[in-house]
Amino acid sequence: MPTNDRGNGPDELIERLKAQAAAVADGRTVAYESDGLTPDVQEQFWQNVVAFETASSTDLTRELKAIGVKLLEPDDLDDVALRKARWSIIEGLARLRVFLDQTDHLSDRELYTQLLRELLPQEMPALDVDEISAWHIDVLGYDKPELYLKYYADEKTRESWRIDFPDDLIPGREDPPYDRDRHLPQYHCRWRLDH
């Protein structure tokens, strides 16, 4: 078995990283690893877990201000100024490698206000994100299944929901009232932040 300067071999290093992750998470780690993962991929995964669990914290309000994005109060903005301010935030987030998903159910003002008052101030790990990484914010969140089913779920998902939750009322499918998501900056996901 090959060895490296970090231990007697890749398995030992991976086990140390798992133990370190468990220690910083107070023993509350649950992970599934495919048997097909190479030791290099396993090692990178567990290094990422440890980095996530030990990172200092920040929030996107602080990060946007640090790159010069002005966060103006929505009540002080007319519709034209608000649209410009919203795009300034969206473009600033993209520069920070943070991307928004599922926003088409909100008006420009509703989205801007939710970003400013709820989503941007959320504490998150202050991780160094490289050029192949990104954070995604699901603006809809997971606490509004009726909106997800109404505006975003495809028929296969809606049918699956009917089977899994037969007592739930499934709203009729509608196109979202706004057409923004397809115009937003996009990036393939590596990390995801759901509110």
C-alpha atoms as a PDB file:
ATOM      1  CA  MET A   1       0.000   0.000   0.000  1.00  0.00           C
ATOM      2  CA  PRO A   2       1.405   3.434  -0.898  1.00  0.00           C
ATOM      3  CA  THR A   3       2.174   5.809   1.917  1.00  0.00           C
ATOM      4  CA  ASN A   4       2.323   9.557   2.136  1.00  0.00           C
ATOM      5  CA  ASP A   5       3.673  12.132   4.529  1.00  0.00           C
ATOM      6  CA  ARG A   6       0.289  12.494   6.236  1.00  0.00           C
ATOM      7  CA  GLY A   7       0.179   8.984   7.702  1.00  0.00           C
ATOM      8  CA  ASN A   8       0.739   5.373   6.886  1.00  0.00           C
ATOM      9  CA  GLY A   9      -1.606   5.411   3.908  1.00  0.00           C
ATOM     10  CA  PRO A  10      -4.709   6.930   2.392  1.00  0.00           C
ATOM     11  CA  ASP A  11      -7.058   4.847   4.556  1.00  0.00           C
ATOM     12  CA  GLU A  12      -5.453   6.121   7.750  1.00  0.00           C
ATOM     13  CA  LEU A  13      -5.689   9.734   6.585  1.00  0.00           C
ATOM     14  CA  ILE A  14      -9.347   9.307   5.620  1.00  0.00           C
ATOM     15  CA  GLU A  15     -10.127   7.759   9.023  1.00  0.00           C
ATOM     16  CA  ARG A  16      -8.376  10.670  10.777  1.00  0.00           C
ATOM     17  CA  LEU A  17     -10.400  13.153   8.707  1.00  0.00           C
ATOM     18  CA  LYS A  18     -13.633  11.303   9.563  1.00  0.00           C
ATOM     19  CA  ALA A  19     -12.728  11.379  13.253  1.00  0.00           C
ATOM     20  CA  GLN A  20     -11.897  15.084  13.034  1.00  0.00           C
ATOM     21  CA  ALA A  21     -15.233  15.795  11.300  1.00  0.00           C
ATOM     22  CA  ALA A  22     -17.111  13.822  13.966  1.00  0.00           C
ATOM     23  CA  ALA A  23     -15.280  15.654  16.758  1.00  0.00           C
ATOM     24  CA  VAL A  24     -16.069  19.144  15.447  1.00  0.00           C
ATOM     25  CA  ALA A  25     -19.689  18.148  14.768  1.00  0.00           C
ATOM     26  CA  ASP A  26     -20.075  16.765  18.314  1.00  0.00           C
ATOM     27  CA  GLY A  27     -20.386  13.255  16.898  1.00  0.00           C
ATOM     28  CA  ARG A  28     -23.416  14.181  14.775  1.00  0.00           C
ATOM     29  CA  THR A  29     -22.183  13.105  11.344  1.00  0.00           C
ATOM     30  CA  VAL A  30     -24.119  10.963   8.926  1.00  0.00           C
ATOM     31  CA  ALA A  31     -22.530  10.223   5.575  1.00  0.00           C
ATOM     32  CA  TYR A  32     -22.917   7.691   2.815  1.00  0.00           C
ATOM     33  CA  GLU A  33     -19.877   6.812   0.756  1.00  0.00           C
ATOM     34  CA  SER A  34     -20.111   4.820  -2.408  1.00  0.00           C
ATOM     35  CA  ASP A  35     -17.813   1.821  -2.575  1.00  0.00           C
ATOM     36  CA  GLY A  36     -16.694   3.098  -5.973  1.00  0.00           C
ATOM     37  CA  LEU A  37     -14.978   6.240  -4.638  1.00  0.00           C
ATOM     38  CA  THR A  38     -11.251   6.444  -5.053  1.00  0.00           C
ATOM     39  CA  PRO A  39      -9.167   7.264  -1.964  1.00  0.00           C
ATOM     40  CA  ASP A  40      -8.355  10.682  -3.489  1.00  0.00           C
ATOM     41  CA  VAL A  41     -12.061  11.532  -3.866  1.00  0.00           C
ATOM     42  CA  GLN A  42     -12.821  10.265  -0.340  1.00  0.00           C
ATOM     43  CA  GLU A  43      -9.963  12.317   1.059  1.00  0.00           C
ATOM     44  CA  GLN A  44     -11.122  15.484  -0.737  1.00  0.00           C
ATOM     45  CA  PHE A  45     -14.692  14.947   0.472  1.00  0.00           C
ATOM     46  CA  TRP A  46     -13.654  14.568   4.111  1.00  0.00           C
ATOM     47  CA  GLN A  47     -11.274  17.542   3.852  1.00  0.00           C
ATOM     48  CA  ASN A  48     -14.239  19.591   2.602  1.00  0.00           C
ATOM     49  CA  VAL A  49     -16.404  18.371   5.496  1.00  0.00           C
ATOM     50  CA  VAL A  50     -13.736  19.354   8.039  1.00  0.00           C
ATOM     51  CA  ALA A  51     -13.241  22.747   6.338  1.00  0.00           C
ATOM     52  CA  PHE A  52     -16.999  23.369   6.413  1.00  0.00           C
ATOM     53  CA  GLU A  53     -17.333  22.381  10.067  1.00  0.00           C
ATOM     54  CA  THR A  54     -14.334  24.414  11.231  1.00  0.00           C
ATOM     55  CA  ALA A  55     -14.767  27.540   9.092  1.00  0.00           C
ATOM     56  CA  SER A  56     -15.377  30.863  10.747  1.00  0.00           C
ATOM     57  CA  SER A  57     -18.747  32.396   9.981  1.00  0.00           C
ATOM     58  CA  THR A  58     -19.905  35.328   7.904  1.00  0.00           C
ATOM     59  CA  ASP A  59     -23.064  36.421   6.141  1.00  0.00           C
ATOM     60  CA  LEU A  60     -23.751  37.604   2.625  1.00  0.00           C
ATOM     61  CA  THR A  61     -24.675  41.111   3.777  1.00  0.00           C
ATOM     62  CA  ARG A  62     -21.122  41.528   5.086  1.00  0.00           C
ATOM     63  CA  GLU A  63     -19.586  39.862   2.017  1.00  0.00           C
ATOM     64  CA  LEU A  64     -21.531  42.022  -0.462  1.00  0.00           C
ATOM     65  CA  LYS A  65     -20.650  45.224   1.393  1.00  0.00           C
ATOM     66  CA  ALA A  66     -16.986  44.144   1.353  1.00  0.00           C
ATOM     67  CA  ILE A  67     -17.023  44.081  -2.466  1.00  0.00           C
ATOM     68  CA  GLY A  68     -18.771  47.445  -2.678  1.00  0.00           C
ATOM     69  CA  VAL A  69     -22.395  46.417  -3.265  1.00  0.00           C
ATOM     70  CA  LYS A  70     -24.801  48.951  -1.754  1.00  0.00           C
ATOM     71  CA  LEU A  71     -27.729  47.430   0.112  1.00  0.00           C
ATOM     72  CA  LEU A  72     -30.431  50.068  -0.018  1.00  0.00           C
ATOM     73  CA  GLU A  73     -33.689  49.919   1.923  1.00  0.00           C
ATOM     74  CA  PRO A  74     -36.517  48.749  -0.360  1.00  0.00           C
ATOM     75  CA  ASP A  75     -38.957  51.326   1.038  1.00  0.00           C
ATOM     76  CA  ASP A  76     -36.627  54.101  -0.164  1.00  0.00           C
ATOM     77  CA  LEU A  77     -36.616  52.881  -3.786  1.00  0.00           C
ATOM     78  CA  ASP A  78     -39.065  53.367  -6.618  1.00  0.00           C
ATOM     79  CA  ASP A  79     -39.587  50.409  -8.973  1.00  0.00           C
ATOM     80  CA  VAL A  80     -36.818  51.436 -11.409  1.00  0.00           C
ATOM     81  CA  ALA A  81     -34.244  52.008  -8.647  1.00  0.00           C
ATOM     82  CA  LEU A  82     -35.294  48.783  -6.926  1.00  0.00           C
ATOM     83  CA  ARG A  83     -34.796  46.762 -10.126  1.00  0.00           C
ATOM     84  CA  LYS A  84     -31.302  48.231 -10.494  1.00  0.00           C
ATOM     85  CA  ALA A  85     -30.487  47.542  -6.818  1.00  0.00           C
ATOM     86  CA  ARG A  86     -31.789  43.958  -7.125  1.00  0.00           C
ATOM     87  CA  TRP A  87     -29.577  43.280 -10.153  1.00  0.00           C
ATOM     88  CA  SER A  88     -26.630  44.822  -8.311  1.00  0.00           C
ATOM     89  CA  ILE A  89     -27.136  42.280  -5.515  1.00  0.00           C
ATOM     90  CA  ILE A  90     -27.602  39.365  -7.945  1.00  0.00           C
ATOM     91  CA  GLU A  91     -24.444  40.291  -9.868  1.00  0.00           C
ATOM     92  CA  GLY A  92     -22.520  40.788  -6.607  1.00  0.00           C
ATOM     93  CA  LEU A  93     -23.639  37.382  -5.392  1.00  0.00           C
ATOM     94  CA  ALA A  94     -22.472  35.829  -8.659  1.00  0.00           C
ATOM     95  CA  ARG A  95     -19.043  37.437  -8.148  1.00  0.00           C
ATOM     96  CA  LEU A  96     -19.027  35.748  -4.727  1.00  0.00           C
ATOM     97  CA  ARG A  97     -20.042  32.494  -6.493  1.00  0.00           C
ATOM     98  CA  VAL A  98     -23.494  32.506  -4.889  1.00  0.00           C
ATOM     99  CA  PHE A  99     -26.456  31.821  -7.166  1.00  0.00           C
ATOM    100  CA  LEU A 100     -30.210  32.103  -6.667  1.00  0.00           C
ATOM    101  CA  ASP A 101     -32.765  29.465  -7.607  1.00  0.00           C
ATOM    102  CA  GLN A 102     -36.585  29.486  -7.730  1.00  0.00           C
ATOM    103  CA  THR A 103     -37.381  33.195  -7.639  1.00  0.00           C
ATOM    104  CA  ASP A 104     -40.159  33.377 -10.256  1.00  0.00           C
ATOM    105  CA  HIS A 105     -42.964  33.304  -7.665  1.00  0.00           C
ATOM    106  CA  LEU A 106     -41.835  36.658  -6.202  1.00  0.00           C
ATOM    107  CA  SER A 107     -42.170  40.179  -7.581  1.00  0.00           C
ATOM    108  CA  ASP A 108     -39.000  42.262  -7.863  1.00  0.00           C
ATOM    109  CA  ARG A 109     -39.857  44.068  -4.621  1.00  0.00           C
ATOM    110  CA  GLU A 110     -40.719  40.850  -2.776  1.00  0.00           C
ATOM    111  CA  LEU A 111     -37.465  39.211  -3.900  1.00  0.00           C
ATOM    112  CA  TYR A 112     -35.343  42.252  -3.025  1.00  0.00           C
ATOM    113  CA  THR A 113     -36.963  42.545   0.403  1.00  0.00           C
ATOM    114  CA  GLN A 114     -36.572  38.821   1.133  1.00  0.00           C
ATOM    115  CA  LEU A 115     -32.918  38.938   0.101  1.00  0.00           C
ATOM    116  CA  LEU A 116     -32.186  42.005   2.209  1.00  0.00           C
ATOM    117  CA  ARG A 117     -34.119  41.059   5.327  1.00  0.00           C
ATOM    118  CA  GLU A 118     -34.022  37.249   5.439  1.00  0.00           C
ATOM    119  CA  LEU A 119     -31.526  35.529   3.152  1.00  0.00           C
ATOM    120  CA  LEU A 120     -28.429  37.741   3.039  1.00  0.00           C
ATOM    121  CA  PRO A 121     -28.131  38.147   6.851  1.00  0.00           C
ATOM    122  CA  GLN A 122     -28.144  34.361   7.465  1.00  0.00           C
ATOM    123  CA  GLU A 123     -24.949  33.182   9.111  1.00  0.00           C
ATOM    124  CA  MET A 124     -22.915  30.789   6.973  1.00  0.00           C
ATOM    125  CA  PRO A 125     -19.418  29.287   6.954  1.00  0.00           C
ATOM    126  CA  ALA A 126     -16.743  31.609   5.581  1.00  0.00           C
ATOM    127  CA  LEU A 127     -15.251  29.173   3.101  1.00  0.00           C
ATOM    128  CA  ASP A 128     -12.765  29.928   0.380  1.00  0.00           C
ATOM    129  CA  VAL A 129     -14.705  29.032  -2.743  1.00  0.00           C
ATOM    130  CA  ASP A 130     -12.572  28.140  -5.739  1.00  0.00           C
ATOM    131  CA  GLU A 131     -13.428  28.584  -9.410  1.00  0.00           C
ATOM    132  CA  ILE A 132     -15.233  25.237  -9.597  1.00  0.00           C
ATOM    133  CA  SER A 133     -17.323  25.725  -6.445  1.00  0.00           C
ATOM    134  CA  ALA A 134     -20.512  27.649  -5.814  1.00  0.00           C
ATOM    135  CA  TRP A 135     -23.218  28.221  -3.234  1.00  0.00           C
ATOM    136  CA  HIS A 136     -26.847  28.020  -4.330  1.00  0.00           C
ATOM    137  CA  ILE A 137     -29.656  29.682  -2.415  1.00  0.00           C
ATOM    138  CA  ASP A 138     -33.053  28.111  -2.960  1.00  0.00           C
ATOM    139  CA  VAL A 139     -35.161  31.242  -2.458  1.00  0.00           C
ATOM    140  CA  LEU A 140     -38.368  29.228  -2.233  1.00  0.00           C
ATOM    141  CA  GLY A 141     -36.959  27.082   0.579  1.00  0.00           C
ATOM    142  CA  TYR A 142     -38.427  23.822   1.791  1.00  0.00           C
ATOM    143  CA  ASP A 143     -41.230  25.171   3.949  1.00  0.00           C
ATOM    144  CA  LYS A 144     -43.559  26.052   1.068  1.00  0.00           C
ATOM    145  CA  PRO A 145     -44.352  22.779  -0.719  1.00  0.00           C
ATOM    146  CA  GLU A 146     -47.619  24.188  -2.067  1.00  0.00           C
ATOM    147  CA  LEU A 147     -45.718  26.897  -3.992  1.00  0.00           C
ATOM    148  CA  TYR A 148     -43.153  24.385  -5.215  1.00  0.00           C
ATOM    149  CA  LEU A 149     -45.908  22.071  -6.469  1.00  0.00           C
ATOM    150  CA  LYS A 150     -47.846  24.936  -8.034  1.00  0.00           C
ATOM    151  CA  TYR A 151     -45.012  26.697  -9.866  1.00  0.00           C
ATOM    152  CA  TYR A 152     -41.882  24.553 -10.085  1.00  0.00           C
ATOM    153  CA  ALA A 153     -42.622  20.807  -9.840  1.00  0.00           C
ATOM    154  CA  ASP A 154     -42.932  18.804 -13.037  1.00  0.00           C
ATOM    155  CA  GLU A 155     -45.785  16.326 -13.516  1.00  0.00           C
ATOM    156  CA  LYS A 156     -43.664  13.348 -12.460  1.00  0.00           C
ATOM    157  CA  THR A 157     -42.827  15.069  -9.156  1.00  0.00           C
ATOM    158  CA  ARG A 158     -46.438  16.128  -8.625  1.00  0.00           C
ATOM    159  CA  GLU A 159     -47.621  12.546  -9.193  1.00  0.00           C
ATOM    160  CA  SER A 160     -44.985  11.195  -6.833  1.00  0.00           C
ATOM    161  CA  TRP A 161     -46.159  13.707  -4.202  1.00  0.00           C
ATOM    162  CA  ARG A 162     -49.766  12.511  -4.646  1.00  0.00           C
ATOM    163  CA  ILE A 163     -48.625   8.939  -3.962  1.00  0.00           C
ATOM    164  CA  ASP A 164     -46.345   9.789  -1.036  1.00  0.00           C
ATOM    165  CA  PHE A 165     -48.717  12.288   0.612  1.00  0.00           C
ATOM    166  CA  PRO A 166     -52.250  11.227  -0.339  1.00  0.00           C
ATOM    167  CA  ASP A 167     -53.873  13.547   2.245  1.00  0.00           C
ATOM    168  CA  ASP A 168     -52.152  16.672   0.873  1.00  0.00           C
ATOM    169  CA  LEU A 169     -54.072  18.947  -1.438  1.00  0.00           C
ATOM    170  CA  ILE A 170     -52.068  19.374  -4.647  1.00  0.00           C
ATOM    171  CA  PRO A 171     -52.602  22.848  -6.140  1.00  0.00           C
ATOM    172  CA  GLY A 172     -53.242  23.178  -9.842  1.00  0.00           C
ATOM    173  CA  ARG A 173     -50.103  23.664 -11.944  1.00  0.00           C
ATOM    174  CA  GLU A 174     -49.523  27.257 -13.039  1.00  0.00           C
ATOM    175  CA  ASP A 175     -46.735  29.157 -14.718  1.00  0.00           C
ATOM    176  CA  PRO A 176     -44.970  31.366 -12.180  1.00  0.00           C
ATOM    177  CA  PRO A 177     -46.118  34.994 -12.325  1.00  0.00           C
ATOM    178  CA  TYR A 178     -42.602  36.253 -13.114  1.00  0.00           C
ATOM    179  CA  ASP A 179     -39.951  35.164 -15.619  1.00  0.00           C
ATOM    180  CA  ARG A 180     -36.628  35.854 -13.921  1.00  0.00           C
ATOM    181  CA  ASP A 181     -34.868  32.560 -13.169  1.00  0.00           C
ATOM    182  CA  ARG A 182     -33.782  31.862 -16.730  1.00  0.00           C
ATOM    183  CA  HIS A 183     -32.026  35.255 -16.800  1.00  0.00           C
ATOM    184  CA  LEU A 184     -30.147  34.813 -13.522  1.00  0.00           C
ATOM    185  CA  PRO A 185     -26.444  33.967 -13.469  1.00  0.00           C
ATOM    186  CA  GLN A 186     -26.087  30.195 -13.142  1.00  0.00           C
ATOM    187  CA  TYR A 187     -23.413  27.764 -12.121  1.00  0.00           C
ATOM    188  CA  HIS A 188     -23.367  24.027 -11.592  1.00  0.00           C
ATOM    189  CA  CYS A 189     -23.714  23.290  -7.883  1.00  0.00           C
ATOM    190  CA  ARG A 190     -21.041  21.942  -5.522  1.00  0.00           C
ATOM    191  CA  TRP A 191     -22.297  23.413  -2.218  1.00  0.00           C
ATOM    192  CA  ARG A 192     -25.899  24.340  -1.515  1.00  0.00           C
ATOM    193  CA  LEU A 193     -27.311  26.708   1.109  1.00  0.00           C
ATOM    194  CA  ASP A 194     -30.997  26.230   1.698  1.00  0.00           C
ATOM    195  CA  HIS A 195     -32.866  28.447   4.004  1.00  0.00           C
END
